[in-house]
PDB file of N, CA and C in Angstrom:
ATOM      1  N   MET A   1     118.335 131.497  91.106  1.00  0.00           N
ATOM      2  CA  MET A   1     118.013 130.629  89.992  1.00  0.00           C
ATOM      3  C   MET A   1     117.816 129.203  90.521  1.00  0.00           C
ATOM      4  N   ALA A   2     116.802 128.523  90.054  1.00  0.00           N
ATOM      5  CA  ALA A   2     116.495 127.168  90.497  1.00  0.00           C
ATOM      6  C   ALA A   2     117.573 126.191  90.060  1.00  0.00           C
ATOM      7  N   LYS A   3     117.883 125.252  90.935  1.00  0.00           N
ATOM      8  CA  LYS A   3     118.879 124.238  90.629  1.00  0.00           C
ATOM      9  C   LYS A   3     118.232 122.930  90.192  1.00  0.00           C
ATOM     10  N   LEU A   4     116.932 122.853  90.283  1.00  0.00           N
ATOM     11  CA  LEU A   4     116.212 121.656  89.897  1.00  0.00           C
ATOM     12  C   LEU A   4     115.842 121.742  88.423  1.00  0.00           C
ATOM     13  N   VAL A   5     116.082 120.650  87.694  1.00  0.00           N
ATOM     14  CA  VAL A   5     115.652 120.574  86.299  1.00  0.00           C
ATOM     15  C   VAL A   5     114.541 119.532  86.205  1.00  0.00           C
ATOM     16  N   LEU A   6     113.639 119.727  85.272  1.00  0.00           N
ATOM     17  CA  LEU A   6     112.492 118.838  85.168  1.00  0.00           C
ATOM     18  C   LEU A   6     112.825 117.468  84.600  1.00  0.00           C
ATOM     19  N   THR A   7     113.909 117.372  83.874  1.00  0.00           N
ATOM     20  CA  THR A   7     114.348 116.083  83.349  1.00  0.00           C
ATOM     21  C   THR A   7     115.430 115.539  84.273  1.00  0.00           C
ATOM     22  N   ALA A   8     115.108 114.487  84.979  1.00  0.00           N
ATOM     23  CA  ALA A   8     116.062 113.902  85.930  1.00  0.00           C
ATOM     24  C   ALA A   8     117.224 113.253  85.188  1.00  0.00           C
ATOM     25  N   ALA A   9     118.353 113.192  85.852  1.00  0.00           N
ATOM     26  CA  ALA A   9     119.546 112.564  85.283  1.00  0.00           C
ATOM     27  C   ALA A   9     119.299 111.070  85.076  1.00  0.00           C
ATOM     28  N   PRO A  10     119.895 110.490  84.032  1.00  0.00           N
ATOM     29  CA  PRO A  10     119.690 109.064  83.780  1.00  0.00           C
ATOM     30  C   PRO A  10     120.369 108.161  84.817  1.00  0.00           C
ATOM     31  N   THR A  11     121.369 108.686  85.513  1.00  0.00           N
ATOM     32  CA  THR A  11     122.027 107.932  86.573  1.00  0.00           C
ATOM     33  C   THR A  11     122.321 108.855  87.751  1.00  0.00           C
ATOM     34  N   PHE A  12     122.549 108.248  88.900  1.00  0.00           N
ATOM     35  CA  PHE A  12     122.970 109.011  90.079  1.00  0.00           C
ATOM     36  C   PHE A  12     123.883 108.118  90.911  1.00  0.00           C
ATOM     37  N   LYS A  13     124.717 108.740  91.708  1.00  0.00           N
ATOM     38  CA  LYS A  13     125.651 108.005  92.552  1.00  0.00           C
ATOM     39  C   LYS A  13     125.303 108.208  94.014  1.00  0.00           C
ATOM     40  N   THR A  14     125.465 107.148  94.774  1.00  0.00           N
ATOM     41  CA  THR A  14     125.282 107.229  96.217  1.00  0.00           C
ATOM     42  C   THR A  14     126.027 106.077  96.875  1.00  0.00           C
ATOM     43  N   ASN A  15     126.366 106.269  98.136  1.00  0.00           N
ATOM     44  CA  ASN A  15     127.046 105.217  98.882  1.00  0.00           C
ATOM     45  C   ASN A  15     126.051 104.201  99.425  1.00  0.00           C
ATOM     46  N   VAL A  16     126.456 102.940  99.349  1.00  0.00           N
ATOM     47  CA  VAL A  16     125.709 101.849  99.953  1.00  0.00           C
ATOM     48  C   VAL A  16     126.570 101.309 101.085  1.00  0.00           C
ATOM     49  N   MET A  17     125.990 101.181 102.257  1.00  0.00           N
ATOM     50  CA  MET A  17     126.718 100.640 103.401  1.00  0.00           C
ATOM     51  C   MET A  17     126.629  99.116 103.360  1.00  0.00           C
ATOM     52  N   ILE A  18     127.721  98.482 102.927  1.00  0.00           N
ATOM     53  CA  ILE A  18     127.760  97.031 102.790  1.00  0.00           C
ATOM     54  C   ILE A  18     128.100  96.416 104.151  1.00  0.00           C
ATOM     55  N   PRO A  19     127.223  95.542 104.680  1.00  0.00           N
ATOM     56  CA  PRO A  19     127.511  94.900 105.956  1.00  0.00           C
ATOM     57  C   PRO A  19     128.697  93.943 105.836  1.00  0.00           C
ATOM     58  N   VAL A  20     129.642  94.078 106.753  1.00  0.00           N
ATOM     59  CA  VAL A  20     130.822  93.215 106.789  1.00  0.00           C
ATOM     60  C   VAL A  20     130.813  92.515 108.144  1.00  0.00           C
ATOM     61  N   PRO A  21     130.704  91.192 108.162  1.00  0.00           N
ATOM     62  CA  PRO A  21     130.639  90.473 109.432  1.00  0.00           C
ATOM     63  C   PRO A  21     131.833  90.806 110.339  1.00  0.00           C
ATOM     64  N   GLY A  22     131.521  91.111 111.588  1.00  0.00           N
ATOM     65  CA  GLY A  22     132.549  91.399 112.573  1.00  0.00           C
ATOM     66  C   GLY A  22     133.152  92.788 112.487  1.00  0.00           C
ATOM     67  N   LYS A  23     132.703  93.592 111.540  1.00  0.00           N
ATOM     68  CA  LYS A  23     133.224  94.951 111.362  1.00  0.00           C
ATOM     69  C   LYS A  23     132.061  95.903 111.124  1.00  0.00           C
ATOM     70  N   LYS A  24     132.392  97.184 111.069  1.00  0.00           N
ATOM     71  CA  LYS A  24     131.377  98.171 110.724  1.00  0.00           C
ATOM     72  C   LYS A  24     131.070  98.067 109.229  1.00  0.00           C
ATOM     73  N   PRO A  25     129.853  98.431 108.816  1.00  0.00           N
ATOM     74  CA  PRO A  25     129.529  98.433 107.389  1.00  0.00           C
ATOM     75  C   PRO A  25     130.501  99.339 106.617  1.00  0.00           C
ATOM     76  N   THR A  26     130.820  98.920 105.404  1.00  0.00           N
ATOM     77  CA  THR A  26     131.767  99.645 104.566  1.00  0.00           C
ATOM     78  C   THR A  26     131.019 100.349 103.435  1.00  0.00           C
ATOM     79  N   PRO A  27     131.255 101.657 103.252  1.00  0.00           N
ATOM     80  CA  PRO A  27     130.578 102.355 102.162  1.00  0.00           C
ATOM     81  C   PRO A  27     131.196 102.017 100.806  1.00  0.00           C
ATOM     82  N   VAL A  28     130.343 101.735  99.847  1.00  0.00           N
ATOM     83  CA  VAL A  28     130.753 101.504  98.467  1.00  0.00           C
ATOM     84  C   VAL A  28     129.868 102.382  97.595  1.00  0.00           C
ATOM     85  N   GLU A  29     130.486 103.224  96.779  1.00  0.00           N
ATOM     86  CA  GLU A  29     129.701 104.092  95.905  1.00  0.00           C
ATOM     87  C   GLU A  29     129.205 103.306  94.691  1.00  0.00           C
ATOM     88  N   PHE A  30     127.907 103.340  94.483  1.00  0.00           N
ATOM     89  CA  PHE A  30     127.267 102.712  93.327  1.00  0.00           C
ATOM     90  C   PHE A  30     126.748 103.794  92.395  1.00  0.00           C
ATOM     91  N   THR A  31     126.744 103.502  91.117  1.00  0.00           N
ATOM     92  CA  THR A  31     126.061 104.332  90.130  1.00  0.00           C
ATOM     93  C   THR A  31     124.762 103.615  89.803  1.00  0.00           C
ATOM     94  N   PHE A  32     123.660 104.281  90.100  1.00  0.00           N
ATOM     95  CA  PHE A  32     122.346 103.689  89.913  1.00  0.00           C
ATOM     96  C   PHE A  32     121.620 104.317  88.722  1.00  0.00           C
ATOM     97  N   LYS A  33     120.695 103.550  88.166  1.00  0.00           N
ATOM     98  CA  LYS A  33     119.853 104.031  87.083  1.00  0.00           C
ATOM     99  C   LYS A  33     118.722 104.885  87.657  1.00  0.00           C
ATOM    100  N   GLY A  34     118.492 106.025  87.043  1.00  0.00           N
ATOM    101  CA  GLY A  34     117.348 106.839  87.417  1.00  0.00           C
ATOM    102  C   GLY A  34     116.096 106.267  86.775  1.00  0.00           C
ATOM    103  N   ARG A  35     114.971 106.470  87.392  1.00  0.00           N
ATOM    104  CA  ARG A  35     113.701 106.009  86.839  1.00  0.00           C
ATOM    105  C   ARG A  35     112.635 107.059  87.114  1.00  0.00           C
ATOM    106  N   THR A  36     111.717 107.184  86.180  1.00  0.00           N
ATOM    107  CA  THR A  36     110.563 108.046  86.403  1.00  0.00           C
ATOM    108  C   THR A  36     109.621 107.335  87.368  1.00  0.00           C
ATOM    109  N   LYS A  37     108.597 108.023  87.802  1.00  0.00           N
ATOM    110  CA  LYS A  37     107.608 107.444  88.711  1.00  0.00           C
ATOM    111  C   LYS A  37     106.970 106.196  88.092  1.00  0.00           C
ATOM    112  N   THR A  38     106.629 106.264  86.819  1.00  0.00           N
ATOM    113  CA  THR A  38     106.012 105.128  86.130  1.00  0.00           C
ATOM    114  C   THR A  38     107.001 103.974  86.002  1.00  0.00           C
ATOM    115  N   GLU A  39     108.229 104.275  85.611  1.00  0.00           N
ATOM    116  CA  GLU A  39     109.250 103.236  85.490  1.00  0.00           C
ATOM    117  C   GLU A  39     109.555 102.601  86.841  1.00  0.00           C
ATOM    118  N   PHE A  40     109.571 103.416  87.880  1.00  0.00           N
ATOM    119  CA  PHE A  40     109.836 102.918  89.225  1.00  0.00           C
ATOM    120  C   PHE A  40     108.747 101.945  89.651  1.00  0.00           C
ATOM    121  N   LYS A  41     107.493 102.299  89.419  1.00  0.00           N
ATOM    122  CA  LYS A  41     106.377 101.421  89.788  1.00  0.00           C
ATOM    123  C   LYS A  41     106.470 100.093  89.048  1.00  0.00           C
ATOM    124  N   THR A  42     106.762 100.139  87.751  1.00  0.00           N
ATOM    125  CA  THR A  42     106.901  98.912  86.965  1.00  0.00           C
ATOM    126  C   THR A  42     108.044  98.065  87.503  1.00  0.00           C
ATOM    127  N   PHE A  43     109.170  98.702  87.816  1.00  0.00           N
ATOM    128  CA  PHE A  43     110.311  97.981  88.356  1.00  0.00           C
ATOM    129  C   PHE A  43     109.956  97.305  89.684  1.00  0.00           C
ATOM    130  N   VAL A  44     109.337  98.033  90.583  1.00  0.00           N
ATOM    131  CA  VAL A  44     108.976  97.474  91.888  1.00  0.00           C
ATOM    132  C   VAL A  44     108.037  96.282  91.718  1.00  0.00           C
ATOM    133  N   ASP A  45     107.120  96.370  90.753  1.00  0.00           N
ATOM    134  CA  ASP A  45     106.187  95.271  90.510  1.00  0.00           C
ATOM    135  C   ASP A  45     106.903  94.010  90.027  1.00  0.00           C
ATOM    136  N   THR A  46     108.041  94.142  89.345  1.00  0.00           N
ATOM    137  CA  THR A  46     108.771  92.990  88.820  1.00  0.00           C
ATOM    138  C   THR A  46     109.900  92.534  89.750  1.00  0.00           C
ATOM    139  N   LEU A  47     110.208  93.317  90.755  1.00  0.00           N
ATOM    140  CA  LEU A  47     111.340  93.032  91.635  1.00  0.00           C
ATOM    141  C   LEU A  47     111.220  91.685  92.336  1.00  0.00           C
ATOM    142  N   ARG A  48     110.024  91.334  92.773  1.00  0.00           N
ATOM    143  CA  ARG A  48     109.859  90.073  93.524  1.00  0.00           C
ATOM    144  C   ARG A  48     110.158  88.845  92.678  1.00  0.00           C
ATOM    145  N   ASP A  49     110.142  88.988  91.351  1.00  0.00           N
ATOM    146  CA  ASP A  49     110.433  87.857  90.462  1.00  0.00           C
ATOM    147  C   ASP A  49     111.919  87.740  90.125  1.00  0.00           C
ATOM    148  N   MET A  50     112.735  88.656  90.632  1.00  0.00           N
ATOM    149  CA  MET A  50     114.174  88.661  90.320  1.00  0.00           C
ATOM    150  C   MET A  50     114.971  88.086  91.477  1.00  0.00           C
ATOM    151  N   ASP A  51     116.091  87.446  91.137  1.00  0.00           N
ATOM    152  CA  ASP A  51     117.014  87.068  92.200  1.00  0.00           C
ATOM    153  C   ASP A  51     117.887  88.283  92.498  1.00  0.00           C
ATOM    154  N   ASP A  52     118.698  88.187  93.540  1.00  0.00           N
ATOM    155  CA  ASP A  52     119.487  89.331  93.992  1.00  0.00           C
ATOM    156  C   ASP A  52     120.392  89.900  92.900  1.00  0.00           C
ATOM    157  N   VAL A  53     121.080  89.022  92.201  1.00  0.00           N
ATOM    158  CA  VAL A  53     122.031  89.476  91.177  1.00  0.00           C
ATOM    159  C   VAL A  53     121.293  90.197  90.054  1.00  0.00           C
ATOM    160  N   ASP A  54     120.203  89.622  89.563  1.00  0.00           N
ATOM    161  CA  ASP A  54     119.438  90.272  88.488  1.00  0.00           C
ATOM    162  C   ASP A  54     118.876  91.616  88.943  1.00  0.00           C
ATOM    163  N   ALA A  55     118.441  91.697  90.195  1.00  0.00           N
ATOM    164  CA  ALA A  55     117.913  92.960  90.710  1.00  0.00           C
ATOM    165  C   ALA A  55     119.007  94.031  90.726  1.00  0.00           C
ATOM    166  N   ILE A  56     120.192  93.665  91.206  1.00  0.00           N
ATOM    167  CA  ILE A  56     121.285  94.646  91.243  1.00  0.00           C
ATOM    168  C   ILE A  56     121.675  95.072  89.834  1.00  0.00           C
ATOM    169  N   LEU A  57     121.735  94.122  88.907  1.00  0.00           N
ATOM    170  CA  LEU A  57     122.070  94.468  87.522  1.00  0.00           C
ATOM    171  C   LEU A  57     120.990  95.338  86.876  1.00  0.00           C
ATOM    172  N   ALA A  58     119.752  95.234  87.356  1.00  0.00           N
ATOM    173  CA  ALA A  58     118.655  96.043  86.823  1.00  0.00           C
ATOM    174  C   ALA A  58     118.662  97.470  87.370  1.00  0.00           C
ATOM    175  N   ILE A  59     119.340  97.686  88.498  1.00  0.00           N
ATOM    176  CA  ILE A  59     119.298  99.018  89.113  1.00  0.00           C
ATOM    177  C   ILE A  59     120.618  99.772  89.054  1.00  0.00           C
ATOM    178  N   ALA A  60     121.721  99.053  88.884  1.00  0.00           N
ATOM    179  CA  ALA A  60     123.035  99.703  88.939  1.00  0.00           C
ATOM    180  C   ALA A  60     123.774  99.574  87.610  1.00  0.00           C
ATOM    181  N   THR A  61     124.660 100.529  87.373  1.00  0.00           N
ATOM    182  CA  THR A  61     125.487 100.485  86.166  1.00  0.00           C
ATOM    183  C   THR A  61     126.972 100.441  86.492  1.00  0.00           C
ATOM    184  N   GLY A  62     127.314 100.599  87.764  1.00  0.00           N
ATOM    185  CA  GLY A  62     128.720 100.574  88.136  1.00  0.00           C
ATOM    186  C   GLY A  62     128.913 100.771  89.615  1.00  0.00           C
ATOM    187  N   TRP A  63     130.198 100.674  90.032  1.00  0.00           N
ATOM    188  CA  TRP A  63     130.567 100.875  91.428  1.00  0.00           C
ATOM    189  C   TRP A  63     131.999 101.326  91.495  1.00  0.00           C
ATOM    190  N   GLU A  64     132.447 101.691  92.684  1.00  0.00           N
ATOM    191  CA  GLU A  64     133.806 102.192  92.840  1.00  0.00           C
ATOM    192  C   GLU A  64     134.819 101.091  93.135  1.00  0.00           C
ATOM    193  N   LEU A  65     134.408  99.848  93.179  1.00  0.00           N
ATOM    194  CA  LEU A  65     135.326  98.748  93.451  1.00  0.00           C
ATOM    195  C   LEU A  65     136.312  98.574  92.292  1.00  0.00           C
ATOM    196  N   THR A  66     137.465  97.951  92.571  1.00  0.00           N
ATOM    197  CA  THR A  66     138.468  97.768  91.519  1.00  0.00           C
ATOM    198  C   THR A  66     138.024  96.740  90.486  1.00  0.00           C
ATOM    199  N   GLU A  67     137.177  95.791  90.898  1.00  0.00           N
ATOM    200  CA  GLU A  67     136.666  94.806  89.949  1.00  0.00           C
ATOM    201  C   GLU A  67     135.625  95.473  89.053  1.00  0.00           C
ATOM    202  N   ASP A  68     135.649  95.114  87.785  1.00  0.00           N
ATOM    203  CA  ASP A  68     134.658  95.654  86.856  1.00  0.00           C
ATOM    204  C   ASP A  68     133.260  95.191  87.262  1.00  0.00           C
ATOM    205  N   PHE A  69     132.310  96.107  87.140  1.00  0.00           N
ATOM    206  CA  PHE A  69     130.917  95.805  87.455  1.00  0.00           C
ATOM    207  C   PHE A  69     130.358  94.888  86.381  1.00  0.00           C
ATOM    208  N   GLY A  70     129.787  93.776  86.785  1.00  0.00           N
ATOM    209  CA  GLY A  70     129.184  92.825  85.854  1.00  0.00           C
ATOM    210  C   GLY A  70     128.626  91.652  86.628  1.00  0.00           C
ATOM    211  N   ARG A  71     127.987  90.746  85.932  1.00  0.00           N
ATOM    212  CA  ARG A  71     127.307  89.620  86.581  1.00  0.00           C
ATOM    213  C   ARG A  71     128.233  88.845  87.511  1.00  0.00           C
ATOM    214  N   GLU A  72     129.401  88.457  87.032  1.00  0.00           N
ATOM    215  CA  GLU A  72     130.299  87.636  87.843  1.00  0.00           C
ATOM    216  C   GLU A  72     130.722  88.369  89.125  1.00  0.00           C
ATOM    217  N   ALA A  73     131.046  89.643  88.999  1.00  0.00           N
ATOM    218  CA  ALA A  73     131.471  90.414  90.171  1.00  0.00           C
ATOM    219  C   ALA A  73     130.312  90.625  91.148  1.00  0.00           C
ATOM    220  N   VAL A  74     129.122  90.861  90.644  1.00  0.00           N
ATOM    221  CA  VAL A  74     127.956  91.036  91.521  1.00  0.00           C
ATOM    222  C   VAL A  74     127.642  89.722  92.234  1.00  0.00           C
ATOM    223  N   GLU A  75     127.766  88.597  91.515  1.00  0.00           N
ATOM    224  CA  GLU A  75     127.573  87.297  92.159  1.00  0.00           C
ATOM    225  C   GLU A  75     128.587  87.100  93.281  1.00  0.00           C
ATOM    226  N   GLN A  76     129.828  87.495  93.030  1.00  0.00           N
ATOM    227  CA  GLN A  76     130.875  87.364  94.044  1.00  0.00           C
ATOM    228  C   GLN A  76     130.566  88.235  95.259  1.00  0.00           C
ATOM    229  N   LEU A  77     130.120  89.470  95.031  1.00  0.00           N
ATOM    230  CA  LEU A  77     129.744  90.366  96.129  1.00  0.00           C
ATOM    231  C   LEU A  77     128.636  89.746  96.973  1.00  0.00           C
ATOM    232  N   CYS A  78     127.598  89.265  96.310  1.00  0.00           N
ATOM    233  CA  CYS A  78     126.449  88.691  97.029  1.00  0.00           C
ATOM    234  C   CYS A  78     126.822  87.420  97.779  1.00  0.00           C
ATOM    235  N   ASP A  79     127.752  86.655  97.238  1.00  0.00           N
ATOM    236  CA  ASP A  79     128.185  85.428  97.885  1.00  0.00           C
ATOM    237  C   ASP A  79     129.084  85.717  99.084  1.00  0.00           C
ATOM    238  N   ALA A  80     129.970  86.693  98.950  1.00  0.00           N
ATOM    239  CA  ALA A  80     130.933  87.005 100.008  1.00  0.00           C
ATOM    240  C   ALA A  80     130.300  87.777 101.158  1.00  0.00           C
ATOM    241  N   TYR A  81     129.332  88.633 100.850  1.00  0.00           N
ATOM    242  CA  TYR A  81     128.704  89.487 101.858  1.00  0.00           C
ATOM    243  C   TYR A  81     127.189  89.287 101.787  1.00  0.00           C
ATOM    244  N   ILE A  82     126.704  88.425 102.637  1.00  0.00           N
ATOM    245  CA  ILE A  82     125.313  87.971 102.571  1.00  0.00           C
ATOM    246  C   ILE A  82     124.311  89.122 102.592  1.00  0.00           C
ATOM    247  N   GLY A  83     124.571  90.166 103.346  1.00  0.00           N
ATOM    248  CA  GLY A  83     123.643  91.289 103.432  1.00  0.00           C
ATOM    249  C   GLY A  83     123.821  92.339 102.351  1.00  0.00           C
ATOM    250  N   ALA A  84     124.762  92.140 101.435  1.00  0.00           N
ATOM    251  CA  ALA A  84     125.067  93.153 100.431  1.00  0.00           C
ATOM    252  C   ALA A  84     123.889  93.426  99.493  1.00  0.00           C
ATOM    253  N   ALA A  85     123.271  92.375  98.992  1.00  0.00           N
ATOM    254  CA  ALA A  85     122.181  92.564  98.027  1.00  0.00           C
ATOM    255  C   ALA A  85     121.047  93.377  98.645  1.00  0.00           C
ATOM    256  N   ARG A  86     120.689  93.022  99.853  1.00  0.00           N
ATOM    257  CA  ARG A  86     119.612  93.761 100.527  1.00  0.00           C
ATOM    258  C   ARG A  86     119.996  95.227 100.710  1.00  0.00           C
ATOM    259  N   ALA A  87     121.251  95.469 101.100  1.00  0.00           N
ATOM    260  CA  ALA A  87     121.709  96.844 101.299  1.00  0.00           C
ATOM    261  C   ALA A  87     121.662  97.642 100.001  1.00  0.00           C
ATOM    262  N   VAL A  88     122.097  97.037  98.909  1.00  0.00           N
ATOM    263  CA  VAL A  88     122.107  97.725  97.610  1.00  0.00           C
ATOM    264  C   VAL A  88     120.680  98.033  97.170  1.00  0.00           C
ATOM    265  N   ILE A  89     119.827  97.033  97.210  1.00  0.00           N
ATOM    266  CA  ILE A  89     118.449  97.200  96.729  1.00  0.00           C
ATOM    267  C   ILE A  89     117.682  98.194  97.603  1.00  0.00           C
ATOM    268  N   GLU A  90     117.816  98.075  98.922  1.00  0.00           N
ATOM    269  CA  GLU A  90     117.109  98.995  99.814  1.00  0.00           C
ATOM    270  C   GLU A  90     117.603 100.433  99.650  1.00  0.00           C
ATOM    271  N   THR A  91     118.901 100.607  99.472  1.00  0.00           N
ATOM    272  CA  THR A  91     119.428 101.957  99.266  1.00  0.00           C
ATOM    273  C   THR A  91     118.835 102.563  97.999  1.00  0.00           C
ATOM    274  N   TYR A  92     118.795 101.782  96.941  1.00  0.00           N
ATOM    275  CA  TYR A  92     118.223 102.260  95.677  1.00  0.00           C
ATOM    276  C   TYR A  92     116.751 102.644  95.848  1.00  0.00           C
ATOM    277  N   LEU A  93     115.982 101.745  96.437  1.00  0.00           N
ATOM    278  CA  LEU A  93     114.554 102.021  96.634  1.00  0.00           C
ATOM    279  C   LEU A  93     114.353 103.250  97.511  1.00  0.00           C
ATOM    280  N   ASN A  94     115.157 103.371  98.557  1.00  0.00           N
ATOM    281  CA  ASN A  94     115.046 104.540  99.443  1.00  0.00           C
ATOM    282  C   ASN A  94     115.417 105.826  98.720  1.00  0.00           C
ATOM    283  N   GLU A  95     116.446 105.791  97.917  1.00  0.00           N
ATOM    284  CA  GLU A  95     116.855 106.991  97.180  1.00  0.00           C
ATOM    285  C   GLU A  95     115.752 107.447  96.233  1.00  0.00           C
ATOM    286  N   LEU A  96     115.185 106.527  95.480  1.00  0.00           N
ATOM    287  CA  LEU A  96     114.123 106.918  94.551  1.00  0.00           C
ATOM    288  C   LEU A  96     112.843 107.294  95.287  1.00  0.00           C
ATOM    289  N   SER A  97     112.527 106.584  96.352  1.00  0.00           N
ATOM    290  CA  SER A  97     111.328 106.930  97.120  1.00  0.00           C
ATOM    291  C   SER A  97     111.454 108.290  97.760  1.00  0.00           C
ATOM    292  N   ALA A  98     112.613 108.573  98.312  1.00  0.00           N
ATOM    293  CA  ALA A  98     112.853 109.891  98.921  1.00  0.00           C
ATOM    294  C   ALA A  98     112.747 110.971  97.859  1.00  0.00           C
ATOM    295  N   ALA A  99     113.250 110.676  96.677  1.00  0.00           N
ATOM    296  CA  ALA A  99     113.150 111.637  95.590  1.00  0.00           C
ATOM    297  C   ALA A  99     111.684 111.850  95.223  1.00  0.00           C
ATOM    298  N   ARG A 100     110.887 110.780  95.278  1.00  0.00           N
ATOM    299  CA  ARG A 100     109.478 110.892  94.944  1.00  0.00           C
ATOM    300  C   ARG A 100     108.704 111.693  95.974  1.00  0.00           C
ATOM    301  N   LEU A 101     109.166 111.713  97.219  1.00  0.00           N
ATOM    302  CA  LEU A 101     108.454 112.467  98.258  1.00  0.00           C
ATOM    303  C   LEU A 101     108.382 113.936  97.920  1.00  0.00           C
ATOM    304  N   GLY A 102     109.355 114.438  97.176  1.00  0.00           N
ATOM    305  CA  GLY A 102     109.368 115.843  96.827  1.00  0.00           C
ATOM    306  C   GLY A 102     108.421 116.186  95.677  1.00  0.00           C
ATOM    307  N   ASN A 103     107.864 115.167  95.040  1.00  0.00           N
ATOM    308  CA  ASN A 103     106.993 115.415  93.882  1.00  0.00           C
ATOM    309  C   ASN A 103     105.580 115.744  94.316  1.00  0.00           C
TER     310      ASN A 103
END
């Protein structure tokens, strides 16, 4: 029996390797928003107009950190770990792009 369903889940979870200066990257599980091919294209077209925090808030709905996911906490993450925003956004784009390769 096939395990693939035609309606994708509205969210998915995956680890993002957050760069930590002087240490190995630390995995943090994020809950990301699923998007259809059309929604993904629209999102990518608007991504360049967003700052890091707005981009993360547009793609994620939560994380495994003890702090509640929200604007203030995402700002703190981006401020404390300079490479975090890039890691989060690239992981999201890669996950959806990889998913699109199967289509």
